[in-house]
Amino acid sequence: MRCLLVYDIPDDRIRTKVADVCLDYGLERIQYSAFLGDLTASYQEEMLLKIQKRLGQKAGNIQLFPLCD
């Protein structure tokens, strides 16, 4: 399923780690804090858990939007 992930994270170090996770899952960077790609529902959930773990208690907003064909 095609999905769009966007985030707003003030901490540079955390933001870089989140971008690396997105790239690891095969998403393509379309803007500085936006990624697009195909992910199954289970990979979407797994990726979000990894991102939330990286974010921890730090401030940030992460949004994942499934897109229709």
PDB file of N, CA and C in Angstrom:
ATOM      1  N   MET A   1       0.845  -1.170   0.000  1.00  0.00           N
ATOM      2  CA  MET A   1       0.000   0.000   0.000  1.00  0.00           C
ATOM      3  C   MET A   1       0.895   1.239   0.000  1.00  0.00           C
ATOM      4  N   ARG A   2       0.565   2.176  -0.840  1.00  0.00           N
ATOM      5  CA  ARG A   2       1.319   3.423  -0.928  1.00  0.00           C
ATOM      6  C   ARG A   2       1.023   4.265   0.308  1.00  0.00           C
ATOM      7  N   CYS A   3       2.055   4.861   0.887  1.00  0.00           N
ATOM      8  CA  CYS A   3       1.829   5.693   2.058  1.00  0.00           C
ATOM      9  C   CYS A   3       2.770   6.893   2.062  1.00  0.00           C
ATOM     10  N   LEU A   4       2.348   7.920   2.763  1.00  0.00           N
ATOM     11  CA  LEU A   4       3.087   9.159   2.904  1.00  0.00           C
ATOM     12  C   LEU A   4       3.380   9.353   4.380  1.00  0.00           C
ATOM     13  N   LEU A   5       4.646   9.558   4.704  1.00  0.00           N
ATOM     14  CA  LEU A   5       5.036   9.822   6.084  1.00  0.00           C
ATOM     15  C   LEU A   5       5.640  11.211   6.148  1.00  0.00           C
ATOM     16  N   VAL A   6       5.124  12.033   7.051  1.00  0.00           N
ATOM     17  CA  VAL A   6       5.657  13.378   7.278  1.00  0.00           C
ATOM     18  C   VAL A   6       5.916  13.538   8.767  1.00  0.00           C
ATOM     19  N   TYR A   7       6.921  14.333   9.084  1.00  0.00           N
ATOM     20  CA  TYR A   7       7.223  14.545  10.493  1.00  0.00           C
ATOM     21  C   TYR A   7       7.751  15.945  10.737  1.00  0.00           C
ATOM     22  N   ASP A   8       7.609  16.366  11.983  1.00  0.00           N
ATOM     23  CA  ASP A   8       8.146  17.637  12.461  1.00  0.00           C
ATOM     24  C   ASP A   8       8.841  17.334  13.781  1.00  0.00           C
ATOM     25  N   ILE A   9      10.173  17.284  13.737  1.00  0.00           N
ATOM     26  CA  ILE A   9      10.962  16.939  14.908  1.00  0.00           C
ATOM     27  C   ILE A   9      12.034  18.018  15.083  1.00  0.00           C
ATOM     28  N   PRO A  10      12.016  18.751  16.210  1.00  0.00           N
ATOM     29  CA  PRO A  10      12.971  19.841  16.395  1.00  0.00           C
ATOM     30  C   PRO A  10      14.423  19.385  16.617  1.00  0.00           C
ATOM     31  N   ASP A  11      14.636  18.221  17.196  1.00  0.00           N
ATOM     32  CA  ASP A  11      15.984  17.730  17.500  1.00  0.00           C
ATOM     33  C   ASP A  11      16.651  17.162  16.243  1.00  0.00           C
ATOM     34  N   ASP A  12      17.762  17.775  15.818  1.00  0.00           N
ATOM     35  CA  ASP A  12      18.455  17.355  14.587  1.00  0.00           C
ATOM     36  C   ASP A  12      18.887  15.900  14.621  1.00  0.00           C
ATOM     37  N   ARG A  13      19.433  15.454  15.744  1.00  0.00           N
ATOM     38  CA  ARG A  13      19.932  14.080  15.851  1.00  0.00           C
ATOM     39  C   ARG A  13      18.804  13.065  15.704  1.00  0.00           C
ATOM     40  N   ILE A  14      17.703  13.312  16.384  1.00  0.00           N
ATOM     41  CA  ILE A  14      16.549  12.413  16.305  1.00  0.00           C
ATOM     42  C   ILE A  14      15.955  12.443  14.901  1.00  0.00           C
ATOM     43  N   ARG A  15      15.866  13.631  14.317  1.00  0.00           N
ATOM     44  CA  ARG A  15      15.306  13.769  12.968  1.00  0.00           C
ATOM     45  C   ARG A  15      16.112  12.963  11.955  1.00  0.00           C
ATOM     46  N   THR A  16      17.435  12.971  12.093  1.00  0.00           N
ATOM     47  CA  THR A  16      18.292  12.193  11.197  1.00  0.00           C
ATOM     48  C   THR A  16      18.062  10.699  11.378  1.00  0.00           C
ATOM     49  N   LYS A  17      17.896  10.264  12.618  1.00  0.00           N
ATOM     50  CA  LYS A  17      17.650   8.840  12.882  1.00  0.00           C
ATOM     51  C   LYS A  17      16.306   8.401  12.310  1.00  0.00           C
ATOM     52  N   VAL A  18      15.298   9.246  12.422  1.00  0.00           N
ATOM     53  CA  VAL A  18      13.980   8.926  11.866  1.00  0.00           C
ATOM     54  C   VAL A  18      14.055   8.843  10.342  1.00  0.00           C
ATOM     55  N   ALA A  19      14.780   9.752   9.727  1.00  0.00           N
ATOM     56  CA  ALA A  19      14.952   9.710   8.272  1.00  0.00           C
ATOM     57  C   ALA A  19      15.647   8.413   7.855  1.00  0.00           C
ATOM     58  N   ASP A  20      16.635   7.985   8.626  1.00  0.00           N
ATOM     59  CA  ASP A  20      17.330   6.734   8.324  1.00  0.00           C
ATOM     60  C   ASP A  20      16.392   5.535   8.388  1.00  0.00           C
ATOM     61  N   VAL A  21      15.487   5.525   9.365  1.00  0.00           N
ATOM     62  CA  VAL A  21      14.508   4.437   9.471  1.00  0.00           C
ATOM     63  C   VAL A  21      13.620   4.426   8.232  1.00  0.00           C
ATOM     64  N   CYS A  22      13.172   5.589   7.803  1.00  0.00           N
ATOM     65  CA  CYS A  22      12.325   5.677   6.602  1.00  0.00           C
ATOM     66  C   CYS A  22      13.059   5.132   5.381  1.00  0.00           C
ATOM     67  N   LEU A  23      14.309   5.503   5.232  1.00  0.00           N
ATOM     68  CA  LEU A  23      15.099   5.020   4.100  1.00  0.00           C
ATOM     69  C   LEU A  23      15.333   3.516   4.194  1.00  0.00           C
ATOM     70  N   ASP A  24      15.537   3.006   5.418  1.00  0.00           N
ATOM     71  CA  ASP A  24      15.718   1.568   5.620  1.00  0.00           C
ATOM     72  C   ASP A  24      14.501   0.775   5.165  1.00  0.00           C
ATOM     73  N   TYR A  25      13.318   1.365   5.273  1.00  0.00           N
ATOM     74  CA  TYR A  25      12.089   0.691   4.866  1.00  0.00           C
ATOM     75  C   TYR A  25      11.753   0.932   3.394  1.00  0.00           C
ATOM     76  N   GLY A  26      12.670   1.553   2.670  1.00  0.00           N
ATOM     77  CA  GLY A  26      12.494   1.718   1.240  1.00  0.00           C
ATOM     78  C   GLY A  26      11.674   2.924   0.822  1.00  0.00           C
ATOM     79  N   LEU A  27      11.406   3.822   1.752  1.00  0.00           N
ATOM     80  CA  LEU A  27      10.661   5.020   1.394  1.00  0.00           C
ATOM     81  C   LEU A  27      11.587   6.001   0.680  1.00  0.00           C
ATOM     82  N   GLU A  28      11.005   6.788  -0.197  1.00  0.00           N
ATOM     83  CA  GLU A  28      11.760   7.772  -0.969  1.00  0.00           C
ATOM     84  C   GLU A  28      11.504   9.158  -0.396  1.00  0.00           C
ATOM     85  N   ARG A  29      12.582   9.896  -0.164  1.00  0.00           N
ATOM     86  CA  ARG A  29      12.430  11.257   0.363  1.00  0.00           C
ATOM     87  C   ARG A  29      11.888  12.148  -0.751  1.00  0.00           C
ATOM     88  N   ILE A  30      10.758  12.823  -0.473  1.00  0.00           N
ATOM     89  CA  ILE A  30      10.176  13.723  -1.469  1.00  0.00           C
ATOM     90  C   ILE A  30      10.318  15.188  -1.039  1.00  0.00           C
ATOM     91  N   GLN A  31      10.540  15.410   0.246  1.00  0.00           N
ATOM     92  CA  GLN A  31      10.875  16.725   0.786  1.00  0.00           C
ATOM     93  C   GLN A  31      11.743  16.471   2.010  1.00  0.00           C
ATOM     94  N   TYR A  32      12.196  17.544   2.649  1.00  0.00           N
ATOM     95  CA  TYR A  32      13.121  17.390   3.770  1.00  0.00           C
ATOM     96  C   TYR A  32      12.556  16.478   4.861  1.00  0.00           C
ATOM     97  N   SER A  33      11.300  16.622   5.198  1.00  0.00           N
ATOM     98  CA  SER A  33      10.686  15.818   6.254  1.00  0.00           C
ATOM     99  C   SER A  33       9.466  15.054   5.756  1.00  0.00           C
ATOM    100  N   ALA A  34       9.517  14.578   4.516  1.00  0.00           N
ATOM    101  CA  ALA A  34       8.403  13.830   3.936  1.00  0.00           C
ATOM    102  C   ALA A  34       8.943  12.679   3.094  1.00  0.00           C
ATOM    103  N   PHE A  35       8.339  11.509   3.279  1.00  0.00           N
ATOM    104  CA  PHE A  35       8.750  10.303   2.565  1.00  0.00           C
ATOM    105  C   PHE A  35       7.535   9.624   1.964  1.00  0.00           C
ATOM    106  N   LEU A  36       7.728   8.968   0.816  1.00  0.00           N
ATOM    107  CA  LEU A  36       6.653   8.301   0.104  1.00  0.00           C
ATOM    108  C   LEU A  36       7.146   6.930  -0.333  1.00  0.00           C
ATOM    109  N   GLY A  37       6.261   5.931  -0.245  1.00  0.00           N
ATOM    110  CA  GLY A  37       6.649   4.603  -0.703  1.00  0.00           C
ATOM    111  C   GLY A  37       5.577   3.568  -0.439  1.00  0.00           C
ATOM    112  N   ASP A  38       5.878   2.337  -0.847  1.00  0.00           N
ATOM    113  CA  ASP A  38       4.960   1.213  -0.669  1.00  0.00           C
ATOM    114  C   ASP A  38       5.359   0.420   0.565  1.00  0.00           C
ATOM    115  N   LEU A  39       4.400   0.242   1.469  1.00  0.00           N
ATOM    116  CA  LEU A  39       4.612  -0.548   2.683  1.00  0.00           C
ATOM    117  C   LEU A  39       3.351  -1.340   2.991  1.00  0.00           C
ATOM    118  N   THR A  40       3.518  -2.584   3.390  1.00  0.00           N
ATOM    119  CA  THR A  40       2.369  -3.357   3.857  1.00  0.00           C
ATOM    120  C   THR A  40       1.933  -2.789   5.202  1.00  0.00           C
ATOM    121  N   ALA A  41       0.752  -3.143   5.623  1.00  0.00           N
ATOM    122  CA  ALA A  41       0.232  -2.645   6.902  1.00  0.00           C
ATOM    123  C   ALA A  41       1.131  -3.067   8.056  1.00  0.00           C
ATOM    124  N   SER A  42       1.659  -4.282   8.015  1.00  0.00           N
ATOM    125  CA  SER A  42       2.523  -4.741   9.109  1.00  0.00           C
ATOM    126  C   SER A  42       3.844  -3.969   9.122  1.00  0.00           C
ATOM    127  N   TYR A  43       4.394  -3.656   7.950  1.00  0.00           N
ATOM    128  CA  TYR A  43       5.627  -2.862   7.898  1.00  0.00           C
ATOM    129  C   TYR A  43       5.375  -1.427   8.355  1.00  0.00           C
ATOM    130  N   GLN A  44       4.198  -0.905   8.059  1.00  0.00           N
ATOM    131  CA  GLN A  44       3.858   0.441   8.526  1.00  0.00           C
ATOM    132  C   GLN A  44       3.872   0.481  10.049  1.00  0.00           C
ATOM    133  N   GLU A  45       3.226  -0.506  10.651  1.00  0.00           N
ATOM    134  CA  GLU A  45       3.164  -0.570  12.107  1.00  0.00           C
ATOM    135  C   GLU A  45       4.556  -0.755  12.708  1.00  0.00           C
ATOM    136  N   GLU A  46       5.335  -1.653  12.116  1.00  0.00           N
ATOM    137  CA  GLU A  46       6.689  -1.924  12.602  1.00  0.00           C
ATOM    138  C   GLU A  46       7.562  -0.666  12.504  1.00  0.00           C
ATOM    139  N   MET A  47       7.472   0.044  11.385  1.00  0.00           N
ATOM    140  CA  MET A  47       8.259   1.249  11.188  1.00  0.00           C
ATOM    141  C   MET A  47       7.870   2.329  12.193  1.00  0.00           C
ATOM    142  N   LEU A  48       6.572   2.506  12.424  1.00  0.00           N
ATOM    143  CA  LEU A  48       6.126   3.508  13.389  1.00  0.00           C
ATOM    144  C   LEU A  48       6.612   3.187  14.798  1.00  0.00           C
ATOM    145  N   LEU A  49       6.633   1.902  15.158  1.00  0.00           N
ATOM    146  CA  LEU A  49       7.146   1.523  16.473  1.00  0.00           C
ATOM    147  C   LEU A  49       8.629   1.867  16.599  1.00  0.00           C
ATOM    148  N   LYS A  50       9.404   1.605  15.558  1.00  0.00           N
ATOM    149  CA  LYS A  50      10.831   1.947  15.577  1.00  0.00           C
ATOM    150  C   LYS A  50      11.024   3.459  15.680  1.00  0.00           C
ATOM    151  N   ILE A  51      10.218   4.206  14.939  1.00  0.00           N
ATOM    152  CA  ILE A  51      10.329   5.664  14.974  1.00  0.00           C
ATOM    153  C   ILE A  51       9.968   6.188  16.359  1.00  0.00           C
ATOM    154  N   GLN A  52       8.904   5.662  16.945  1.00  0.00           N
ATOM    155  CA  GLN A  52       8.506   6.108  18.279  1.00  0.00           C
ATOM    156  C   GLN A  52       9.574   5.767  19.315  1.00  0.00           C
ATOM    157  N   LYS A  53      10.235   4.631  19.131  1.00  0.00           N
ATOM    158  CA  LYS A  53      11.322   4.253  20.037  1.00  0.00           C
ATOM    159  C   LYS A  53      12.470   5.246  19.913  1.00  0.00           C
ATOM    160  N   ARG A  54      12.813   5.644  18.679  1.00  0.00           N
ATOM    161  CA  ARG A  54      13.892   6.614  18.464  1.00  0.00           C
ATOM    162  C   ARG A  54      13.516   7.979  19.058  1.00  0.00           C
ATOM    163  N   LEU A  55      12.250   8.347  18.922  1.00  0.00           N
ATOM    164  CA  LEU A  55      11.780   9.636  19.420  1.00  0.00           C
ATOM    165  C   LEU A  55      11.772   9.671  20.944  1.00  0.00           C
ATOM    166  N   GLY A  56      11.373   8.577  21.563  1.00  0.00           N
ATOM    167  CA  GLY A  56      11.332   8.510  23.024  1.00  0.00           C
ATOM    168  C   GLY A  56      10.427   9.572  23.603  1.00  0.00           C
ATOM    169  N   GLN A  57      10.940  10.313  24.575  1.00  0.00           N
ATOM    170  CA  GLN A  57      10.158  11.360  25.241  1.00  0.00           C
ATOM    171  C   GLN A  57      10.385  12.737  24.612  1.00  0.00           C
ATOM    172  N   LYS A  58      11.180  12.795  23.553  1.00  0.00           N
ATOM    173  CA  LYS A  58      11.464  14.073  22.887  1.00  0.00           C
ATOM    174  C   LYS A  58      10.222  14.570  22.145  1.00  0.00           C
ATOM    175  N   ALA A  59      10.186  15.867  21.900  1.00  0.00           N
ATOM    176  CA  ALA A  59       9.070  16.476  21.173  1.00  0.00           C
ATOM    177  C   ALA A  59       9.122  16.082  19.701  1.00  0.00           C
ATOM    178  N   GLY A  60       7.959  15.863  19.122  1.00  0.00           N
ATOM    179  CA  GLY A  60       7.895  15.536  17.702  1.00  0.00           C
ATOM    180  C   GLY A  60       6.494  15.135  17.285  1.00  0.00           C
ATOM    181  N   ASN A  61       6.214  15.314  16.014  1.00  0.00           N
ATOM    182  CA  ASN A  61       4.927  14.945  15.447  1.00  0.00           C
ATOM    183  C   ASN A  61       5.199  14.111  14.195  1.00  0.00           C
ATOM    184  N   ILE A  62       4.700  12.882  14.185  1.00  0.00           N
ATOM    185  CA  ILE A  62       4.894  11.977  13.066  1.00  0.00           C
ATOM    186  C   ILE A  62       3.522  11.552  12.568  1.00  0.00           C
ATOM    187  N   GLN A  63       3.311  11.692  11.257  1.00  0.00           N
ATOM    188  CA  GLN A  63       2.031  11.339  10.654  1.00  0.00           C
ATOM    189  C   GLN A  63       2.275  10.384   9.489  1.00  0.00           C
ATOM    190  N   LEU A  64       1.515   9.296   9.469  1.00  0.00           N
ATOM    191  CA  LEU A  64       1.577   8.324   8.374  1.00  0.00           C
ATOM    192  C   LEU A  64       0.206   8.248   7.716  1.00  0.00           C
ATOM    193  N   PHE A  65       0.164   8.541   6.419  1.00  0.00           N
ATOM    194  CA  PHE A  65      -1.094   8.562   5.685  1.00  0.00           C
ATOM    195  C   PHE A  65      -1.087   7.487   4.600  1.00  0.00           C
ATOM    196  N   PRO A  66      -1.975   6.488   4.701  1.00  0.00           N
ATOM    197  CA  PRO A  66      -2.135   5.533   3.598  1.00  0.00           C
ATOM    198  C   PRO A  66      -2.822   6.250   2.435  1.00  0.00           C
ATOM    199  N   LEU A  67      -2.364   5.982   1.215  1.00  0.00           N
ATOM    200  CA  LEU A  67      -2.910   6.644   0.028  1.00  0.00           C
ATOM    201  C   LEU A  67      -3.618   5.637  -0.862  1.00  0.00           C
ATOM    202  N   CYS A  68      -4.706   6.072  -1.455  1.00  0.00           N
ATOM    203  CA  CYS A  68      -5.433   5.232  -2.403  1.00  0.00           C
ATOM    204  C   CYS A  68      -4.712   5.241  -3.750  1.00  0.00           C
ATOM    205  N   ASP A  69      -4.921   4.189  -4.523  1.00  0.00           N
ATOM    206  CA  ASP A  69      -4.336   4.152  -5.879  1.00  0.00           C
ATOM    207  C   ASP A  69      -5.099   5.099  -6.734  1.00  0.00           C
TER     208      ASP A  69
END
